[in-house]
Full PDB file with SEQRES, HELIX, SHEET, SSBOND, CRYST1, ORIGX, SCALE, CONECT and MASTER records, all heavy atoms in Angstrom:
SEQRES   1 A   44  LEU GLN ARG GLN LEU PRO LEU ASN VAL TRP GLY TRP ALA          
SEQRES   2 A   44  GLU PRO GLY GLU GLU VAL THR VAL LYS PHE HIS GLY GLN          
SEQRES   3 A   44  THR LYS THR THR LYS GLY GLY ASP ASP GLY THR TRP LYS          
SEQRES   4 A   44  VAL VAL LEU ASP PRO                                          
SHEET    1 AA1 2 LEU A   7  TRP A  12  0                                        
SHEET    2 AA1 2 THR A  37  LEU A  42 -1                                        
SHEET    1 AA2 2 GLU A  18  PHE A  23  0                                        
SHEET    2 AA2 2 GLN A  26  LYS A  31 -1                                        
CRYST1    1.000    1.000    1.000  90.00  90.00  90.00 P 1           1          
ORIGX1      1.000000  0.000000  0.000000        0.00000                         
ORIGX2      0.000000  1.000000  0.000000        0.00000                         
ORIGX3      0.000000  0.000000  1.000000        0.00000                         
SCALE1      1.000000  0.000000  0.000000        0.00000                         
SCALE2      0.000000  1.000000  0.000000        0.00000                         
SCALE3      0.000000  0.000000  1.000000        0.00000                         
ATOM      1  N   LEU A   1       0.847  -1.190   0.000  1.00  0.00           N  
ATOM      2  CA  LEU A   1       0.000   0.000   0.000  1.00  0.00           C  
ATOM      3  C   LEU A   1       0.882   1.238   0.000  1.00  0.00           C  
ATOM      4  O   LEU A   1       1.958   1.247   0.607  1.00  0.00           O  
ATOM      5  CB  LEU A   1      -0.909   0.002   1.228  1.00  0.00           C  
ATOM      6  CG  LEU A   1      -1.873  -1.186   1.353  1.00  0.00           C  
ATOM      7  CD1 LEU A   1      -2.624  -1.119   2.685  1.00  0.00           C  
ATOM      8  CD2 LEU A   1      -2.852  -1.219   0.184  1.00  0.00           C  
ATOM      9  N   GLN A   2       0.424   2.285  -0.665  1.00  0.00           N  
ATOM     10  CA  GLN A   2       1.219   3.496  -0.793  1.00  0.00           C  
ATOM     11  C   GLN A   2       1.303   4.245   0.535  1.00  0.00           C  
ATOM     12  O   GLN A   2       0.277   4.533   1.159  1.00  0.00           O  
ATOM     13  CB  GLN A   2       0.633   4.412  -1.873  1.00  0.00           C  
ATOM     14  CG  GLN A   2       1.355   5.733  -2.038  1.00  0.00           C  
ATOM     15  CD  GLN A   2       2.825   5.573  -2.399  1.00  0.00           C  
ATOM     16  OE1 GLN A   2       3.160   4.755  -3.250  1.00  0.00           O  
ATOM     17  NE2 GLN A   2       3.694   6.356  -1.774  1.00  0.00           N  
ATOM     18  N   ARG A   3       2.503   4.564   0.951  1.00  0.00           N  
ATOM     19  CA  ARG A   3       2.683   5.283   2.212  1.00  0.00           C  
ATOM     20  C   ARG A   3       2.279   6.753   2.067  1.00  0.00           C  
ATOM     21  O   ARG A   3       2.265   7.317   0.961  1.00  0.00           O  
ATOM     22  CB  ARG A   3       4.142   5.203   2.668  1.00  0.00           C  
ATOM     23  CG  ARG A   3       5.149   5.876   1.750  1.00  0.00           C  
ATOM     24  CD  ARG A   3       6.527   5.902   2.367  1.00  0.00           C  
ATOM     25  NE  ARG A   3       7.548   6.323   1.407  1.00  0.00           N  
ATOM     26  CZ  ARG A   3       8.806   6.596   1.735  1.00  0.00           C  
ATOM     27  NH1 ARG A   3       9.209   6.516   2.987  1.00  0.00           N  
ATOM     28  NH2 ARG A   3       9.673   6.963   0.806  1.00  0.00           N  
ATOM     29  N   GLN A   4       1.955   7.359   3.189  1.00  0.00           N  
ATOM     30  CA  GLN A   4       1.713   8.804   3.294  1.00  0.00           C  
ATOM     31  C   GLN A   4       0.613   9.291   2.354  1.00  0.00           C  
ATOM     32  O   GLN A   4       0.675  10.397   1.827  1.00  0.00           O  
ATOM     33  CB  GLN A   4       3.018   9.570   3.020  1.00  0.00           C  
ATOM     34  CG  GLN A   4       4.139   9.200   3.972  1.00  0.00           C  
ATOM     35  CD  GLN A   4       5.489   9.757   3.566  1.00  0.00           C  
ATOM     36  OE1 GLN A   4       5.676  10.198   2.431  1.00  0.00           O  
ATOM     37  NE2 GLN A   4       6.444   9.749   4.480  1.00  0.00           N  
ATOM     38  N   LEU A   5      -0.411   8.451   2.166  1.00  0.00           N  
ATOM     39  CA  LEU A   5      -1.482   8.789   1.231  1.00  0.00           C  
ATOM     40  C   LEU A   5      -2.798   8.215   1.749  1.00  0.00           C  
ATOM     41  O   LEU A   5      -2.833   7.066   2.206  1.00  0.00           O  
ATOM     42  CB  LEU A   5      -1.181   8.183  -0.142  1.00  0.00           C  
ATOM     43  CG  LEU A   5      -2.161   8.504  -1.268  1.00  0.00           C  
ATOM     44  CD1 LEU A   5      -1.933   9.927  -1.768  1.00  0.00           C  
ATOM     45  CD2 LEU A   5      -1.972   7.515  -2.423  1.00  0.00           C  
ATOM     46  N   PRO A   6      -3.898   8.998   1.723  1.00  0.00           N  
ATOM     47  CA  PRO A   6      -5.202   8.394   2.041  1.00  0.00           C  
ATOM     48  C   PRO A   6      -5.476   7.246   1.066  1.00  0.00           C  
ATOM     49  O   PRO A   6      -5.291   7.396  -0.147  1.00  0.00           O  
ATOM     50  CB  PRO A   6      -6.190   9.552   1.829  1.00  0.00           C  
ATOM     51  CG  PRO A   6      -5.356  10.792   1.994  1.00  0.00           C  
ATOM     52  CD  PRO A   6      -3.998  10.439   1.435  1.00  0.00           C  
ATOM     53  N   LEU A   7      -5.896   6.100   1.587  1.00  0.00           N  
ATOM     54  CA  LEU A   7      -5.961   4.893   0.772  1.00  0.00           C  
ATOM     55  C   LEU A   7      -7.394   4.414   0.586  1.00  0.00           C  
ATOM     56  O   LEU A   7      -8.102   4.128   1.560  1.00  0.00           O  
ATOM     57  CB  LEU A   7      -5.139   3.779   1.435  1.00  0.00           C  
ATOM     58  CG  LEU A   7      -3.634   4.054   1.541  1.00  0.00           C  
ATOM     59  CD1 LEU A   7      -2.968   2.994   2.409  1.00  0.00           C  
ATOM     60  CD2 LEU A   7      -3.008   4.097   0.153  1.00  0.00           C  
ATOM     61  N   ASN A   8      -7.802   4.309  -0.667  1.00  0.00           N  
ATOM     62  CA  ASN A   8      -9.105   3.743  -0.985  1.00  0.00           C  
ATOM     63  C   ASN A   8      -9.069   2.226  -0.821  1.00  0.00           C  
ATOM     64  O   ASN A   8      -8.154   1.552  -1.299  1.00  0.00           O  
ATOM     65  CB  ASN A   8      -9.485   4.048  -2.436  1.00  0.00           C  
ATOM     66  CG  ASN A   8      -9.619   5.526  -2.707  1.00  0.00           C  
ATOM     67  OD1 ASN A   8     -10.250   6.248  -1.932  1.00  0.00           O  
ATOM     68  ND2 ASN A   8      -9.051   5.988  -3.802  1.00  0.00           N  
ATOM     69  N   VAL A   9     -10.076   1.705  -0.142  1.00  0.00           N  
ATOM     70  CA  VAL A   9     -10.308   0.262  -0.102  1.00  0.00           C  
ATOM     71  C   VAL A   9     -11.764   0.077  -0.504  1.00  0.00           C  
ATOM     72  O   VAL A   9     -12.647   0.718   0.067  1.00  0.00           O  
ATOM     73  CB  VAL A   9     -10.053  -0.333   1.297  1.00  0.00           C  
ATOM     74  CG1 VAL A   9     -10.317  -1.840   1.286  1.00  0.00           C  
ATOM     75  CG2 VAL A   9      -8.631  -0.041   1.760  1.00  0.00           C  
ATOM     76  N   TRP A  10     -12.031  -0.795  -1.484  1.00  0.00           N  
ATOM     77  CA  TRP A  10     -13.374  -0.891  -2.013  1.00  0.00           C  
ATOM     78  C   TRP A  10     -13.719  -2.338  -2.376  1.00  0.00           C  
ATOM     79  O   TRP A  10     -12.855  -3.205  -2.444  1.00  0.00           O  
ATOM     80  CB  TRP A  10     -13.547   0.017  -3.223  1.00  0.00           C  
ATOM     81  CG  TRP A  10     -12.797  -0.420  -4.460  1.00  0.00           C  
ATOM     82  CD1 TRP A  10     -13.257  -1.226  -5.467  1.00  0.00           C  
ATOM     83  CD2 TRP A  10     -11.459  -0.063  -4.834  1.00  0.00           C  
ATOM     84  NE1 TRP A  10     -12.296  -1.395  -6.438  1.00  0.00           N  
ATOM     85  CE2 TRP A  10     -11.183  -0.680  -6.075  1.00  0.00           C  
ATOM     86  CE3 TRP A  10     -10.470   0.727  -4.241  1.00  0.00           C  
ATOM     87  CZ2 TRP A  10      -9.960  -0.552  -6.719  1.00  0.00           C  
ATOM     88  CZ3 TRP A  10      -9.242   0.862  -4.897  1.00  0.00           C  
ATOM     89  CH2 TRP A  10      -9.006   0.236  -6.123  1.00  0.00           C  
ATOM     90  N   GLY A  11     -15.010  -2.535  -2.605  1.00  0.00           N  
ATOM     91  CA  GLY A  11     -15.445  -3.865  -2.996  1.00  0.00           C  
ATOM     92  C   GLY A  11     -16.945  -3.933  -3.134  1.00  0.00           C  
ATOM     93  O   GLY A  11     -17.599  -2.927  -3.432  1.00  0.00           O  
ATOM     94  N   TRP A  12     -17.496  -5.122  -2.867  1.00  0.00           N  
ATOM     95  CA  TRP A  12     -18.912  -5.376  -3.070  1.00  0.00           C  
ATOM     96  C   TRP A  12     -19.494  -6.081  -1.856  1.00  0.00           C  
ATOM     97  O   TRP A  12     -18.796  -6.806  -1.142  1.00  0.00           O  
ATOM     98  CB  TRP A  12     -19.110  -6.239  -4.314  1.00  0.00           C  
ATOM     99  CG  TRP A  12     -18.523  -5.597  -5.531  1.00  0.00           C  
ATOM    100  CD1 TRP A  12     -19.151  -4.741  -6.395  1.00  0.00           C  
ATOM    101  CD2 TRP A  12     -17.188  -5.713  -6.005  1.00  0.00           C  
ATOM    102  NE1 TRP A  12     -18.283  -4.326  -7.372  1.00  0.00           N  
ATOM    103  CE2 TRP A  12     -17.068  -4.912  -7.163  1.00  0.00           C  
ATOM    104  CE3 TRP A  12     -16.065  -6.422  -5.559  1.00  0.00           C  
ATOM    105  CZ2 TRP A  12     -15.885  -4.795  -7.882  1.00  0.00           C  
ATOM    106  CZ3 TRP A  12     -14.879  -6.312  -6.279  1.00  0.00           C  
ATOM    107  CH2 TRP A  12     -14.794  -5.503  -7.428  1.00  0.00           C  
ATOM    108  N   ALA A  13     -20.771  -5.853  -1.642  1.00  0.00           N  
ATOM    109  CA  ALA A  13     -21.504  -6.496  -0.551  1.00  0.00           C  
ATOM    110  C   ALA A  13     -22.984  -6.355  -0.871  1.00  0.00           C  
ATOM    111  O   ALA A  13     -23.366  -5.705  -1.858  1.00  0.00           O  
ATOM    112  CB  ALA A  13     -21.177  -5.838   0.789  1.00  0.00           C  
ATOM    113  N   GLU A  14     -23.824  -6.953  -0.037  1.00  0.00           N  
ATOM    114  CA  GLU A  14     -25.257  -6.760  -0.228  1.00  0.00           C  
ATOM    115  C   GLU A  14     -25.611  -5.301   0.056  1.00  0.00           C  
ATOM    116  O   GLU A  14     -25.016  -4.669   0.930  1.00  0.00           O  
ATOM    117  CB  GLU A  14     -26.052  -7.670   0.704  1.00  0.00           C  
ATOM    118  CG  GLU A  14     -26.041  -9.139   0.297  1.00  0.00           C  
ATOM    119  CD  GLU A  14     -26.995  -9.956   1.143  1.00  0.00           C  
ATOM    120  OE1 GLU A  14     -27.601  -9.369   2.064  1.00  0.00           O  
ATOM    121  OE2 GLU A  14     -27.122 -11.162   0.869  1.00  0.00           O  
ATOM    122  N   PRO A  15     -26.591  -4.755  -0.642  1.00  0.00           N  
ATOM    123  CA  PRO A  15     -27.043  -3.404  -0.325  1.00  0.00           C  
ATOM    124  C   PRO A  15     -27.435  -3.280   1.142  1.00  0.00           C  
ATOM    125  O   PRO A  15     -28.158  -4.122   1.680  1.00  0.00           O  
ATOM    126  CB  PRO A  15     -28.262  -3.219  -1.244  1.00  0.00           C  
ATOM    127  CG  PRO A  15     -27.991  -4.126  -2.398  1.00  0.00           C  
ATOM    128  CD  PRO A  15     -27.295  -5.318  -1.809  1.00  0.00           C  
ATOM    129  N   GLY A  16     -26.903  -2.265   1.792  1.00  0.00           N  
ATOM    130  CA  GLY A  16     -27.203  -2.039   3.200  1.00  0.00           C  
ATOM    131  C   GLY A  16     -26.363  -2.839   4.166  1.00  0.00           C  
ATOM    132  O   GLY A  16     -26.417  -2.601   5.377  1.00  0.00           O  
ATOM    133  N   GLU A  17     -25.578  -3.800   3.677  1.00  0.00           N  
ATOM    134  CA  GLU A  17     -24.749  -4.611   4.560  1.00  0.00           C  
ATOM    135  C   GLU A  17     -23.631  -3.767   5.176  1.00  0.00           C  
ATOM    136  O   GLU A  17     -22.955  -3.013   4.470  1.00  0.00           O  
ATOM    137  CB  GLU A  17     -24.140  -5.777   3.785  1.00  0.00           C  
ATOM    138  CG  GLU A  17     -23.254  -6.689   4.625  1.00  0.00           C  
ATOM    139  CD  GLU A  17     -22.691  -7.843   3.810  1.00  0.00           C  
ATOM    140  OE1 GLU A  17     -23.053  -7.957   2.619  1.00  0.00           O  
ATOM    141  OE2 GLU A  17     -21.897  -8.628   4.376  1.00  0.00           O  
ATOM    142  N   GLU A  18     -23.461  -3.864   6.477  1.00  0.00           N  
ATOM    143  CA  GLU A  18     -22.394  -3.116   7.136  1.00  0.00           C  
ATOM    144  C   GLU A  18     -21.051  -3.789   6.869  1.00  0.00           C  
ATOM    145  O   GLU A  18     -20.905  -4.992   7.033  1.00  0.00           O  
ATOM    146  CB  GLU A  18     -22.648  -3.026   8.632  1.00  0.00           C  
ATOM    147  CG  GLU A  18     -21.633  -2.142   9.351  1.00  0.00           C  
ATOM    148  CD  GLU A  18     -22.001  -1.865  10.796  1.00  0.00           C  
ATOM    149  OE1 GLU A  18     -22.922  -1.045  11.032  1.00  0.00           O  
ATOM    150  OE2 GLU A  18     -21.374  -2.477  11.679  1.00  0.00           O  
ATOM    151  N   VAL A  19     -20.083  -2.977   6.465  1.00  0.00           N  
ATOM    152  CA  VAL A  19     -18.742  -3.472   6.145  1.00  0.00           C  
ATOM    153  C   VAL A  19     -17.739  -2.737   7.026  1.00  0.00           C  
ATOM    154  O   VAL A  19     -17.762  -1.504   7.116  1.00  0.00           O  
ATOM    155  CB  VAL A  19     -18.399  -3.242   4.656  1.00  0.00           C  
ATOM    156  CG1 VAL A  19     -16.974  -3.708   4.361  1.00  0.00           C  
ATOM    157  CG2 VAL A  19     -19.399  -3.955   3.761  1.00  0.00           C  
ATOM    158  N   THR A  20     -16.863  -3.492   7.672  1.00  0.00           N  
ATOM    159  CA  THR A  20     -15.837  -2.918   8.538  1.00  0.00           C  
ATOM    160  C   THR A  20     -14.456  -3.279   8.002  1.00  0.00           C  
ATOM    161  O   THR A  20     -14.194  -4.439   7.670  1.00  0.00           O  
ATOM    162  CB  THR A  20     -15.975  -3.447   9.970  1.00  0.00           C  
ATOM    163  OG1 THR A  20     -17.271  -3.096  10.473  1.00  0.00           O  
ATOM    164  CG2 THR A  20     -14.910  -2.844  10.878  1.00  0.00           C  
ATOM    165  N   VAL A  21     -13.596  -2.279   7.929  1.00  0.00           N  
ATOM    166  CA  VAL A  21     -12.221  -2.473   7.458  1.00  0.00           C  
ATOM    167  C   VAL A  21     -11.279  -2.073   8.585  1.00  0.00           C  
ATOM    168  O   VAL A  21     -11.380  -0.968   9.127  1.00  0.00           O  
ATOM    169  CB  VAL A  21     -11.937  -1.630   6.206  1.00  0.00           C  
ATOM    170  CG1 VAL A  21     -10.483  -1.813   5.756  1.00  0.00           C  
ATOM    171  CG2 VAL A  21     -12.892  -2.003   5.078  1.00  0.00           C  
ATOM    172  N   LYS A  22     -10.360  -2.981   8.933  1.00  0.00           N  
ATOM    173  CA  LYS A  22      -9.381  -2.701   9.985  1.00  0.00           C  
ATOM    174  C   LYS A  22      -7.971  -2.829   9.411  1.00  0.00           C  
ATOM    175  O   LYS A  22      -7.654  -3.812   8.742  1.00  0.00           O  
ATOM    176  CB  LYS A  22      -9.559  -3.678  11.151  1.00  0.00           C  
ATOM    177  CG  LYS A  22     -10.890  -3.529  11.871  1.00  0.00           C  
ATOM    178  CD  LYS A  22     -10.988  -4.478  13.062  1.00  0.00           C  
ATOM    179  CE  LYS A  22     -12.298  -4.291  13.807  1.00  0.00           C  
ATOM    180  NZ  LYS A  22     -12.384  -5.183  14.995  1.00  0.00           N  
ATOM    181  N   PHE A  23      -7.158  -1.826   9.739  1.00  0.00           N  
ATOM    182  CA  PHE A  23      -5.776  -1.866   9.275  1.00  0.00           C  
ATOM    183  C   PHE A  23      -4.897  -1.010  10.180  1.00  0.00           C  
ATOM    184  O   PHE A  23      -5.153   0.184  10.360  1.00  0.00           O  
ATOM    185  CB  PHE A  23      -5.664  -1.358   7.834  1.00  0.00           C  
ATOM    186  CG  PHE A  23      -4.255  -1.373   7.297  1.00  0.00           C  
ATOM    187  CD1 PHE A  23      -3.618  -2.570   7.004  1.00  0.00           C  
ATOM    188  CD2 PHE A  23      -3.555  -0.184   7.102  1.00  0.00           C  
ATOM    189  CE1 PHE A  23      -2.313  -2.588   6.531  1.00  0.00           C  
ATOM    190  CE2 PHE A  23      -2.254  -0.189   6.626  1.00  0.00           C  
ATOM    191  CZ  PHE A  23      -1.631  -1.399   6.344  1.00  0.00           C  
ATOM    192  N   HIS A  24      -3.863  -1.605  10.740  1.00  0.00           N  
ATOM    193  CA  HIS A  24      -2.816  -0.903  11.475  1.00  0.00           C  
ATOM    194  C   HIS A  24      -3.398   0.081  12.497  1.00  0.00           C  
ATOM    195  O   HIS A  24      -3.023   1.256  12.547  1.00  0.00           O  
ATOM    196  CB  HIS A  24      -1.918  -0.172  10.479  1.00  0.00           C  
ATOM    197  CG  HIS A  24      -0.609   0.299  11.067  1.00  0.00           C  
ATOM    198  ND1 HIS A  24       0.116  -0.440  11.983  1.00  0.00           N  
ATOM    199  CD2 HIS A  24       0.109   1.449  10.863  1.00  0.00           C  
ATOM    200  CE1 HIS A  24       1.210   0.221  12.306  1.00  0.00           C  
ATOM    201  NE2 HIS A  24       1.228   1.364  11.646  1.00  0.00           N  
ATOM    202  N   GLY A  25      -4.340  -0.419  13.306  1.00  0.00           N  
ATOM    203  CA  GLY A  25      -4.923   0.398  14.358  1.00  0.00           C  
ATOM    204  C   GLY A  25      -6.098   1.240  13.923  1.00  0.00           C  
ATOM    205  O   GLY A  25      -6.694   1.944  14.759  1.00  0.00           O  
ATOM    206  N   GLN A  26      -6.455   1.204  12.670  1.00  0.00           N  
ATOM    207  CA  GLN A  26      -7.597   1.971  12.175  1.00  0.00           C  
ATOM    208  C   GLN A  26      -8.800   1.053  11.985  1.00  0.00           C  
ATOM    209  O   GLN A  26      -8.660  -0.113  11.610  1.00  0.00           O  
ATOM    210  CB  GLN A  26      -7.286   2.603  10.820  1.00  0.00           C  
ATOM    211  CG  GLN A  26      -6.122   3.558  10.804  1.00  0.00           C  
ATOM    212  CD  GLN A  26      -5.936   4.163   9.423  1.00  0.00           C  
ATOM    213  OE1 GLN A  26      -6.894   4.621   8.790  1.00  0.00           O  
ATOM    214  NE2 GLN A  26      -4.691   4.179   8.946  1.00  0.00           N  
ATOM    215  N   THR A  27      -9.973   1.613  12.215  1.00  0.00           N  
ATOM    216  CA  THR A  27     -11.217   0.923  11.918  1.00  0.00           C  
ATOM    217  C   THR A  27     -12.135   1.869  11.157  1.00  0.00           C  
ATOM    218  O   THR A  27     -12.429   2.967  11.631  1.00  0.00           O  
ATOM    219  CB  THR A  27     -11.923   0.458  13.209  1.00  0.00           C  
ATOM    220  OG1 THR A  27     -11.064  -0.444  13.917  1.00  0.00           O  
ATOM    221  CG2 THR A  27     -13.226  -0.255  12.870  1.00  0.00           C  
ATOM    222  N   LYS A  28     -12.564   1.450   9.983  1.00  0.00           N  
ATOM    223  CA  LYS A  28     -13.464   2.251   9.155  1.00  0.00           C  
ATOM    224  C   LYS A  28     -14.692   1.414   8.838  1.00  0.00           C  
ATOM    225  O   LYS A  28     -14.588   0.219   8.537  1.00  0.00           O  
ATOM    226  CB  LYS A  28     -12.793   2.664   7.846  1.00  0.00           C  
ATOM    227  CG  LYS A  28     -11.475   3.407   8.036  1.00  0.00           C  
ATOM    228  CD  LYS A  28     -11.679   4.809   8.592  1.00  0.00           C  
ATOM    229  CE  LYS A  28     -10.344   5.549   8.703  1.00  0.00           C  
ATOM    230  NZ  LYS A  28     -10.518   6.927   9.225  1.00  0.00           N  
ATOM    231  N   THR A  29     -15.850   2.042   8.918  1.00  0.00           N  
ATOM    232  CA  THR A  29     -17.103   1.327   8.701  1.00  0.00           C  
ATOM    233  C   THR A  29     -17.946   2.047   7.654  1.00  0.00           C  
ATOM    234  O   THR A  29     -17.995   3.283   7.603  1.00  0.00           O  
ATOM    235  CB  THR A  29     -17.905   1.225  10.013  1.00  0.00           C  
ATOM    236  OG1 THR A  29     -17.104   0.546  10.992  1.00  0.00           O  
ATOM    237  CG2 THR A  29     -19.189   0.439   9.796  1.00  0.00           C  
ATOM    238  N   THR A  30     -18.607   1.252   6.798  1.00  0.00           N  
ATOM    239  CA  THR A  30     -19.512   1.796   5.795  1.00  0.00           C  
ATOM    240  C   THR A  30     -20.598   0.763   5.527  1.00  0.00           C  
ATOM    241  O   THR A  30     -20.662  -0.277   6.194  1.00  0.00           O  
ATOM    242  CB  THR A  30     -18.753   2.147   4.497  1.00  0.00           C  
ATOM    243  OG1 THR A  30     -19.633   2.844   3.611  1.00  0.00           O  
ATOM    244  CG2 THR A  30     -18.203   0.909   3.825  1.00  0.00           C  
ATOM    245  N   LYS A  31     -21.448   1.033   4.554  1.00  0.00           N  
ATOM    246  CA  LYS A  31     -22.493   0.090   4.170  1.00  0.00           C  
ATOM    247  C   LYS A  31     -22.513  -0.092   2.663  1.00  0.00           C  
ATOM    248  O   LYS A  31     -22.170   0.821   1.912  1.00  0.00           O  
ATOM    249  CB  LYS A  31     -23.871   0.571   4.648  1.00  0.00           C  
ATOM    250  CG  LYS A  31     -24.058   0.517   6.152  1.00  0.00           C  
ATOM    251  CD  LYS A  31     -25.473   0.912   6.546  1.00  0.00           C  
ATOM    252  CE  LYS A  31     -25.649   0.789   8.069  1.00  0.00           C  
ATOM    253  NZ  LYS A  31     -27.046   1.137   8.468  1.00  0.00           N  
ATOM    254  N   GLY A  32     -22.930  -1.266   2.234  1.00  0.00           N  
ATOM    255  CA  GLY A  32     -23.073  -1.509   0.808  1.00  0.00           C  
ATOM    256  C   GLY A  32     -24.135  -0.605   0.226  1.00  0.00           C  
ATOM    257  O   GLY A  32     -25.208  -0.426   0.811  1.00  0.00           O  
ATOM    258  N   GLY A  33     -23.816  -0.001  -0.913  1.00  0.00           N  
ATOM    259  CA  GLY A  33     -24.770   0.890  -1.547  1.00  0.00           C  
ATOM    260  C   GLY A  33     -25.871   0.132  -2.269  1.00  0.00           C  
ATOM    261  O   GLY A  33     -25.885  -1.103  -2.315  1.00  0.00           O  
ATOM    262  N   ASP A  34     -26.795   0.866  -2.854  1.00  0.00           N  
ATOM    263  CA  ASP A  34     -27.903   0.244  -3.573  1.00  0.00           C  
ATOM    264  C   ASP A  34     -27.403  -0.616  -4.729  1.00  0.00           C  
ATOM    265  O   ASP A  34     -28.071  -1.577  -5.130  1.00  0.00           O  
ATOM    266  CB  ASP A  34     -28.859   1.319  -4.099  1.00  0.00           C  
ATOM    267  CG  ASP A  34     -29.602   2.037  -2.981  1.00  0.00           C  
ATOM    268  OD1 ASP A  34     -29.662   1.475  -1.859  1.00  0.00           O  
ATOM    269  OD2 ASP A  34     -30.107   3.148  -3.217  1.00  0.00           O  
ATOM    270  N   ASP A  35     -26.244  -0.261  -5.266  1.00  0.00           N  
ATOM    271  CA  ASP A  35     -25.685  -1.023  -6.387  1.00  0.00           C  
ATOM    272  C   ASP A  35     -24.759  -2.141  -5.923  1.00  0.00           C  
ATOM    273  O   ASP A  35     -24.104  -2.798  -6.742  1.00  0.00           O  
ATOM    274  CB  ASP A  35     -24.930  -0.099  -7.342  1.00  0.00           C  
ATOM    275  CG  ASP A  35     -23.755   0.616  -6.670  1.00  0.00           C  
ATOM    276  OD1 ASP A  35     -23.602   0.479  -5.432  1.00  0.00           O  
ATOM    277  OD2 ASP A  35     -23.003   1.311  -7.373  1.00  0.00           O  
ATOM    278  N   GLY A  36     -24.672  -2.342  -4.598  1.00  0.00           N  
ATOM    279  CA  GLY A  36     -23.850  -3.415  -4.069  1.00  0.00           C  
ATOM    280  C   GLY A  36     -22.388  -3.074  -3.916  1.00  0.00           C  
ATOM    281  O   GLY A  36     -21.567  -3.963  -3.660  1.00  0.00           O  
ATOM    282  N   THR A  37     -22.010  -1.805  -4.052  1.00  0.00           N  
ATOM    283  CA  THR A  37     -20.614  -1.415  -3.900  1.00  0.00           C  
ATOM    284  C   THR A  37     -20.401  -0.674  -2.592  1.00  0.00           C  
ATOM    285  O   THR A  37     -21.333  -0.104  -2.024  1.00  0.00           O  
ATOM    286  CB  THR A  37     -20.162  -0.512  -5.056  1.00  0.00           C  
ATOM    287  OG1 THR A  37     -20.840   0.754  -4.981  1.00  0.00           O  
ATOM    288  CG2 THR A  37     -20.441  -1.163  -6.403  1.00  0.00           C  
ATOM    289  N   TRP A  38     -19.157  -0.705  -2.115  1.00  0.00           N  
ATOM    290  CA  TRP A  38     -18.795   0.043  -0.917  1.00  0.00           C  
ATOM    291  C   TRP A  38     -17.354   0.537  -1.035  1.00  0.00           C  
ATOM    292  O   TRP A  38     -16.563   0.008  -1.824  1.00  0.00           O  
ATOM    293  CB  TRP A  38     -18.944  -0.795   0.348  1.00  0.00           C  
ATOM    294  CG  TRP A  38     -18.120  -2.053   0.350  1.00  0.00           C  
ATOM    295  CD1 TRP A  38     -18.512  -3.295  -0.039  1.00  0.00           C  
ATOM    296  CD2 TRP A  38     -16.742  -2.164   0.746  1.00  0.00           C  
ATOM    297  NE1 TRP A  38     -17.477  -4.189   0.073  1.00  0.00           N  
ATOM    298  CE2 TRP A  38     -16.371  -3.525   0.555  1.00  0.00           C  
ATOM    299  CE3 TRP A  38     -15.786  -1.279   1.227  1.00  0.00           C  
ATOM    300  CZ2 TRP A  38     -15.095  -3.997   0.843  1.00  0.00           C  
ATOM    301  CZ3 TRP A  38     -14.510  -1.752   1.518  1.00  0.00           C  
ATOM    302  CH2 TRP A  38     -14.166  -3.088   1.329  1.00  0.00           C  
ATOM    303  N   LYS A  39     -17.020   1.539  -0.246  1.00  0.00           N  
ATOM    304  CA  LYS A  39     -15.657   2.079  -0.227  1.00  0.00           C  
ATOM    305  C   LYS A  39     -15.400   2.755   1.102  1.00  0.00           C  
ATOM    306  O   LYS A  39     -16.281   3.444   1.649  1.00  0.00           O  
ATOM    307  CB  LYS A  39     -15.441   3.099  -1.355  1.00  0.00           C  
ATOM    308  CG  LYS A  39     -14.010   3.596  -1.460  1.00  0.00           C  
ATOM    309  CD  LYS A  39     -13.882   4.754  -2.461  1.00  0.00           C  
ATOM    310  CE  LYS A  39     -14.253   6.071  -1.799  1.00  0.00           C  
ATOM    311  NZ  LYS A  39     -13.856   7.244  -2.626  1.00  0.00           N  
ATOM    312  N   VAL A  40     -14.177   2.572   1.619  1.00  0.00           N  
ATOM    313  CA  VAL A  40     -13.702   3.356   2.759  1.00  0.00           C  
ATOM    314  C   VAL A  40     -12.363   3.965   2.379  1.00  0.00           C  
ATOM    315  O   VAL A  40     -11.714   3.541   1.420  1.00  0.00           O  
ATOM    316  CB  VAL A  40     -13.543   2.495   4.032  1.00  0.00           C  
ATOM    317  CG1 VAL A  40     -14.865   1.856   4.424  1.00  0.00           C  
ATOM    318  CG2 VAL A  40     -12.449   1.451   3.860  1.00  0.00           C  
ATOM    319  N   VAL A  41     -11.966   4.968   3.125  1.00  0.00           N  
ATOM    320  CA  VAL A  41     -10.674   5.615   2.899  1.00  0.00           C  
ATOM    321  C   VAL A  41      -9.861   5.526   4.185  1.00  0.00           C  
ATOM    322  O   VAL A  41     -10.257   6.084   5.214  1.00  0.00           O  
ATOM    323  CB  VAL A  41     -10.838   7.088   2.473  1.00  0.00           C  
ATOM    324  CG1 VAL A  41      -9.467   7.710   2.226  1.00  0.00           C  
ATOM    325  CG2 VAL A  41     -11.690   7.187   1.205  1.00  0.00           C  
ATOM    326  N   LEU A  42      -8.743   4.825   4.131  1.00  0.00           N  
ATOM    327  CA  LEU A  42      -7.856   4.706   5.288  1.00  0.00           C  
ATOM    328  C   LEU A  42      -6.987   5.944   5.426  1.00  0.00           C  
ATOM    329  O   LEU A  42      -6.602   6.575   4.425  1.00  0.00           O  
ATOM    330  CB  LEU A  42      -6.958   3.478   5.138  1.00  0.00           C  
ATOM    331  CG  LEU A  42      -7.651   2.115   5.111  1.00  0.00           C  
ATOM    332  CD1 LEU A  42      -6.631   1.026   4.795  1.00  0.00           C  
ATOM    333  CD2 LEU A  42      -8.346   1.844   6.433  1.00  0.00           C  
ATOM    334  N   ASP A  43      -6.653   6.284   6.648  1.00  0.00           N  
ATOM    335  CA  ASP A  43      -5.751   7.399   6.893  1.00  0.00           C  
ATOM    336  C   ASP A  43      -4.333   7.043   6.432  1.00  0.00           C  
ATOM    337  O   ASP A  43      -3.951   5.869   6.400  1.00  0.00           O  
ATOM    338  CB  ASP A  43      -5.728   7.729   8.385  1.00  0.00           C  
ATOM    339  CG  ASP A  43      -7.094   8.133   8.915  1.00  0.00           C  
ATOM    340  OD1 ASP A  43      -7.897   8.679   8.139  1.00  0.00           O  
ATOM    341  OD2 ASP A  43      -7.368   7.857  10.107  1.00  0.00           O  
ATOM    342  N   PRO A  44      -3.539   8.041   6.080  1.00  0.00           N  
ATOM    343  CA  PRO A  44      -2.164   7.768   5.635  1.00  0.00           C  
ATOM    344  C   PRO A  44      -1.355   7.016   6.685  1.00  0.00           C  
ATOM    345  O   PRO A  44      -1.519   7.223   7.891  1.00  0.00           O  
ATOM    346  CB  PRO A  44      -1.595   9.163   5.381  1.00  0.00           C  
ATOM    347  CG  PRO A  44      -2.789  10.020   5.100  1.00  0.00           C  
ATOM    348  CD  PRO A  44      -3.875   9.477   5.971  1.00  0.00           C  
TER     349      PRO A  44                                                      
MASTER        0    0    0    0    4    0    0    6  348    1    0    4          
END                                                                             
């Protein structure tokens, strides 16, 4: 992963499904959109 840069992490899930991403002490949460896609942005 690129250092010193806000990092996009994305994928697919059921619409409305809660998705949690954990990395190096960070936790980001979002939900699957109506089209089944989701995205979070990790801190640098």
